[in-house]
């Protein structure tokens, strides 16, 4: 899910996450749509809002055009980001 080309080809399940122009064939829709209040994705986080799901559905139906320009480095498990300093702690609670 970190690479646009990866969304278009089959993953572990063999189903493409996104099939441009075909919402029902896009596996991502099944993963993000809650069933009995729970969805498979995003993992360990609350389900997406209905408006967010509808936006993704419309994008796929319109052809799922890649309209984002790469602006920075890509990180992978093999090439993680390098931090130059530790995180700043803005508050503490005891």
Protein backbone atom coordinates (compact mmCIF):
# COMPACT_ATOMS: atom_id res chain seq x y z
CA UNK A 1 0.00 0.00 0.00
CA UNK A 2 3.00 2.31 -0.14
CA UNK A 3 3.41 2.15 -3.92
CA UNK A 4 0.77 3.09 -6.50
CA UNK A 5 1.87 0.33 -8.90
CA UNK A 6 1.52 -2.14 -6.03
CA UNK A 7 -2.11 -1.14 -5.58
CA UNK A 8 -2.85 -2.11 -9.17
CA UNK A 9 -1.33 -5.58 -9.05
CA UNK A 10 -2.42 -8.50 -6.93
CA UNK A 11 -1.13 -8.81 -3.39
CA UNK A 12 -1.06 -11.81 -1.07
CA UNK A 13 -4.70 -12.59 -1.85
CA UNK A 14 -4.09 -12.34 -5.60
CA UNK A 15 -6.75 -9.62 -5.91
CA UNK A 16 -5.73 -6.15 -7.06
CA UNK A 17 -6.30 -3.58 -4.34
CA UNK A 18 -7.58 -1.13 -6.95
CA UNK A 19 -9.18 -1.89 -10.31
CA UNK A 20 -9.55 1.52 -12.01
CA UNK A 21 -13.16 2.10 -13.02
CA UNK A 22 -14.44 -0.98 -11.17
CA UNK A 23 -15.26 -0.30 -7.53
CA UNK A 24 -16.71 -3.73 -6.79
CA UNK A 25 -13.63 -5.56 -8.12
CA UNK A 26 -11.30 -3.42 -5.98
CA UNK A 27 -10.24 -5.40 -2.91
CA UNK A 28 -9.50 -2.24 -0.94
CA UNK A 29 -13.22 -1.44 -0.79
CA UNK A 30 -13.95 -4.78 0.90
CA UNK A 31 -11.11 -4.15 3.36
CA UNK A 32 -12.15 -0.62 4.38
CA UNK A 33 -15.93 -1.13 4.48
CA UNK A 34 -17.07 -1.94 8.03
CA UNK A 35 -19.13 -5.08 8.65
CA UNK A 36 -20.89 -5.09 12.00
CA UNK A 37 -18.97 -1.92 12.89
CA UNK A 38 -15.47 -3.32 12.20
CA UNK A 39 -13.29 -3.17 9.10
CA UNK A 40 -10.14 -5.08 8.17
CA UNK A 41 -8.29 -1.85 7.35
CA UNK A 42 -6.81 0.24 8.71
CA UNK A 43 -5.48 -2.40 11.07
CA UNK A 44 -5.70 -1.64 14.78
CA UNK A 45 -7.31 1.74 14.08
CA UNK A 46 -10.90 2.98 13.90
CA UNK A 47 -12.73 2.40 10.61
CA UNK A 48 -12.74 5.14 8.02
CA UNK A 49 -15.68 7.53 8.06
CA UNK A 50 -18.43 6.88 5.49
CA UNK A 51 -17.48 10.12 3.69
CA UNK A 52 -13.87 8.92 3.39
CA UNK A 53 -14.96 5.55 2.01
CA UNK A 54 -17.26 7.28 -0.48
CA UNK A 55 -14.40 9.51 -1.63
CA UNK A 56 -12.25 6.42 -2.32
CA UNK A 57 -15.15 4.76 -4.15
CA UNK A 58 -15.61 7.83 -6.36
CA UNK A 59 -11.87 8.01 -7.09
CA UNK A 60 -11.79 4.36 -8.17
CA UNK A 61 -14.99 4.74 -10.25
CA UNK A 62 -13.44 7.76 -12.00
CA UNK A 63 -10.44 5.67 -13.08
CA UNK A 64 -8.17 5.89 -10.02
CA UNK A 65 -5.84 8.33 -11.72
CA UNK A 66 -2.47 8.69 -10.09
CA UNK A 67 -2.55 12.40 -9.47
CA UNK A 68 0.11 12.72 -6.78
CA UNK A 69 3.60 13.83 -7.67
CA UNK A 70 6.46 12.19 -5.82
CA UNK A 71 8.02 14.88 -3.65
CA UNK A 72 10.48 13.10 -1.42
CA UNK A 73 12.41 9.96 -0.66
CA UNK A 74 10.69 6.64 -0.36
CA UNK A 75 11.20 4.51 2.69
CA UNK A 76 11.01 0.75 2.83
CA UNK A 77 11.66 -1.82 5.49
CA UNK A 78 15.10 -2.32 3.97
CA UNK A 79 15.68 1.45 3.70
CA UNK A 80 14.07 3.09 6.74
CA UNK A 81 14.21 6.82 7.44
CA UNK A 82 17.26 8.13 9.30
CA UNK A 83 16.51 10.55 12.11
CA UNK A 84 19.11 13.15 13.00
CA UNK A 85 17.80 13.81 16.51
CA UNK A 86 15.41 12.35 19.03
CA UNK A 87 11.73 13.26 19.22
CA UNK A 88 10.76 16.37 21.14
CA UNK A 89 8.56 15.80 24.15
CA UNK A 90 5.98 18.57 24.38
CA UNK A 91 4.18 17.38 27.52
CA UNK A 92 4.61 14.89 30.33
CA UNK A 93 2.06 13.34 32.58
CA UNK A 94 2.87 11.67 35.87
